[in-house]
Amino acid sequence: MLKPILLVEDDKRDLELTLIALERSQLANDVVVMRDGEQALDYLRREGPHADRAEGNPAVVLLDLKLPKVNGIEVLQAVRGDAALRAIPIVMLTSSQEEADVLRSYELGVNAYVVKPVAFDQFVSAIADLGIFWAVLNEPPPGSLKVSRRGEP
């Protein structure tokens, strides 16, 4: 079974564009969408409305930096501080090019920091490349289920 991609994005336009880009990349992974950092942490920890979700971590978390309730930096810090979650690949997907945001994200253990391109074609290409890399090409941490491109374990 393929692991889902967790997309944490509050901006409606960016959410729609990201979903279109992931669809165009023809990944078989489900995309789970959370609209704020608090929802994302509940999902990852299997708490609250997500207490009954299937066990296992997503293939990757695509995380916006500026989120309501709990921001992306706080989500990253919480995930890296939790032994059950810390190995999940996290890509900060944001419009912020501020050096302090980039530096803080890497200090907290983000796997990649990607600035959202403004042009639609570039945005679609960047998201498709991210999805393929993290869901198909990346070797997951030991103990994770890695599924081949043909759908075989």
Protein backbone atom coordinates (compact mmCIF):
# COMPACT_ATOMS: atom_id res chain seq x y z
CA MET A 1 0.00 0.00 0.00
CA LEU A 2 1.36 3.40 -0.98
CA LYS A 3 1.91 5.91 1.77
CA PRO A 4 0.01 9.19 1.43
CA ILE A 5 1.48 12.62 0.90
CA LEU A 6 0.45 15.05 3.63
CA LEU A 7 -0.10 18.54 2.25
CA VAL A 8 -0.44 21.28 4.86
CA GLU A 9 -1.60 24.47 3.15
CA ASP A 10 -4.06 27.19 4.19
CA ASP A 11 -4.07 29.32 1.03
CA LYS A 12 -6.90 28.18 -1.24
CA ARG A 13 -5.15 29.15 -4.49
CA ASP A 14 -1.85 27.48 -3.55
CA LEU A 15 -3.74 24.40 -2.39
CA GLU A 16 -5.57 24.08 -5.72
CA LEU A 17 -2.36 24.61 -7.71
CA THR A 18 -0.47 22.03 -5.63
CA LEU A 19 -3.20 19.44 -6.04
CA ILE A 20 -3.29 20.05 -9.81
CA ALA A 21 0.49 19.67 -9.99
CA LEU A 22 0.49 16.44 -7.98
CA GLU A 23 -2.30 15.05 -10.15
CA ARG A 24 -0.35 15.88 -13.31
CA SER A 25 2.66 14.00 -11.96
CA GLN A 26 0.46 10.86 -12.03
CA LEU A 27 1.51 9.65 -8.58
CA ALA A 28 -0.65 6.88 -7.20
CA ASN A 29 -0.24 8.20 -3.64
CA ASP A 30 -3.28 9.68 -1.94
CA VAL A 31 -2.90 13.30 -0.91
CA VAL A 32 -4.20 14.16 2.55
CA VAL A 33 -4.87 17.88 3.02
CA MET A 34 -4.75 19.74 6.31
CA ARG A 35 -5.48 23.48 6.42
CA ASP A 36 -3.56 24.43 9.57
CA GLY A 37 -0.67 23.23 11.71
CA GLU A 38 -2.88 22.01 14.54
CA GLN A 39 -4.80 19.70 12.17
CA ALA A 40 -1.51 18.43 10.74
CA LEU A 41 -0.17 17.51 14.17
CA ASP A 42 -3.45 15.80 15.11
CA TYR A 43 -3.23 13.79 11.88
CA LEU A 44 0.40 12.81 12.38
CA ARG A 45 -0.11 11.89 16.04
CA ARG A 46 -3.39 10.07 15.29
CA GLU A 47 -5.27 12.28 17.75
CA GLY A 48 -8.66 14.00 17.82
CA PRO A 49 -10.60 13.49 14.58
CA HIS A 50 -7.70 11.42 13.18
CA ALA A 51 -7.45 8.94 16.08
CA ASP A 52 -8.93 6.20 13.88
CA ARG A 53 -6.75 6.69 10.82
CA ALA A 54 -4.59 3.80 9.68
CA GLU A 55 -1.20 3.42 11.34
CA GLY A 56 1.91 4.59 9.54
CA ASN A 57 3.46 7.87 8.56
CA PRO A 58 3.09 9.72 5.27
CA ALA A 59 5.72 9.39 2.55
CA VAL A 60 6.41 13.12 2.88
CA VAL A 61 4.90 16.23 4.43
CA LEU A 62 4.66 19.27 2.17
CA LEU A 63 4.44 22.01 4.78
CA ASP A 64 3.63 25.69 4.35
CA LEU A 65 5.50 28.04 6.65
CA LYS A 66 2.78 30.56 7.41
CA LEU A 67 -0.16 28.60 8.82
CA PRO A 68 -2.96 29.47 11.23
CA LYS A 69 -3.05 28.11 14.80
CA VAL A 70 0.35 26.37 14.68
CA ASN A 71 2.82 27.67 12.08
CA GLY A 72 5.09 25.54 9.91
CA ILE A 73 8.17 26.08 12.09
CA GLU A 74 6.23 24.92 15.15
CA VAL A 75 4.94 21.86 13.30
CA LEU A 76 8.47 21.01 12.16
CA GLN A 77 9.79 21.44 15.70
CA ALA A 78 7.04 19.20 17.14
CA VAL A 79 7.60 16.48 14.54
CA ARG A 80 11.37 16.45 15.00
CA GLY A 81 10.86 16.26 18.77
CA ASP A 82 8.65 13.17 18.55
CA ALA A 83 10.50 9.83 18.25
CA ALA A 84 7.60 8.24 16.36
CA LEU A 85 7.52 11.02 13.76
CA ARG A 86 11.01 12.48 13.47
CA ALA A 87 12.07 10.37 10.46
CA ILE A 88 9.22 11.64 8.27
CA PRO A 89 10.64 13.67 5.36
CA ILE A 90 9.41 17.26 5.54
CA VAL A 91 9.61 19.75 2.70
CA MET A 92 8.93 23.35 3.60
CA LEU A 93 6.91 24.64 0.65
CA THR A 94 6.53 28.37 1.08
CA SER A 95 6.63 31.78 -0.53
CA SER A 96 9.09 33.06 2.07
CA GLN A 97 12.64 33.64 0.90
CA GLU A 98 13.64 35.23 4.20
CA GLU A 99 17.06 34.00 5.25
CA ALA A 100 15.90 33.62 8.87
CA ASP A 101 13.06 31.27 7.79
CA VAL A 102 15.39 29.16 5.66
CA LEU A 103 18.03 28.97 8.38
CA ARG A 104 15.56 28.14 11.16
CA SER A 105 13.92 25.41 9.04
CA TYR A 106 17.26 23.71 8.39
CA GLU A 107 18.32 24.09 12.02
CA LEU A 108 15.16 22.20 13.01
CA GLY A 109 15.82 19.41 10.51
CA VAL A 110 13.75 20.15 7.43
CA ASN A 111 14.73 17.90 4.52
CA ALA A 112 14.23 20.56 1.85
CA TYR A 113 13.16 24.19 1.61
CA VAL A 114 11.35 25.07 -1.61
CA VAL A 115 10.18 28.56 -2.52
CA LYS A 116 6.91 28.42 -4.45
CA PRO A 117 7.49 29.68 -7.99
CA VAL A 118 5.15 32.48 -9.08
CA ALA A 119 4.65 31.30 -12.68
CA PHE A 120 2.04 28.55 -13.02
CA ASP A 121 4.13 26.26 -15.27
CA GLN A 122 7.14 26.53 -12.97
CA PHE A 123 4.94 25.86 -9.94
CA VAL A 124 3.40 22.75 -11.51
CA SER A 125 6.82 21.46 -12.55
CA ALA A 126 8.36 22.05 -9.12
CA ILE A 127 5.51 20.30 -7.28
CA ALA A 128 5.50 17.37 -9.69
CA ASP A 129 9.26 16.94 -9.23
CA LEU A 130 8.87 17.08 -5.43
CA GLY A 131 6.11 14.50 -5.45
CA ILE A 132 8.01 12.07 -7.63
CA PHE A 133 11.22 12.43 -5.66
CA TRP A 134 9.75 11.97 -2.18
CA ALA A 135 7.02 9.45 -3.02
CA VAL A 136 8.89 7.29 -5.55
CA LEU A 137 12.64 7.89 -5.69
CA ASN A 138 13.56 8.64 -2.09
CA GLU A 139 14.65 5.69 0.06
CA PRO A 140 12.49 5.87 3.22
CA PRO A 141 13.89 5.33 6.72
CA PRO A 142 14.30 1.72 7.93
CA GLY A 143 11.01 0.26 9.05
CA SER A 144 8.98 2.20 6.48
CA LEU A 145 7.15 0.43 3.71
CA LYS A 146 8.80 1.12 0.37
CA VAL A 147 6.67 0.27 -2.63
CA SER A 148 8.23 -0.12 -6.04
CA ARG A 149 7.02 1.82 -9.03
CA ARG A 150 5.15 -1.28 -10.16
CA GLY A 151 3.21 -1.30 -6.89
CA GLU A 152 5.04 -4.31 -5.43
CA PRO A 153 6.60 -4.22 -1.93
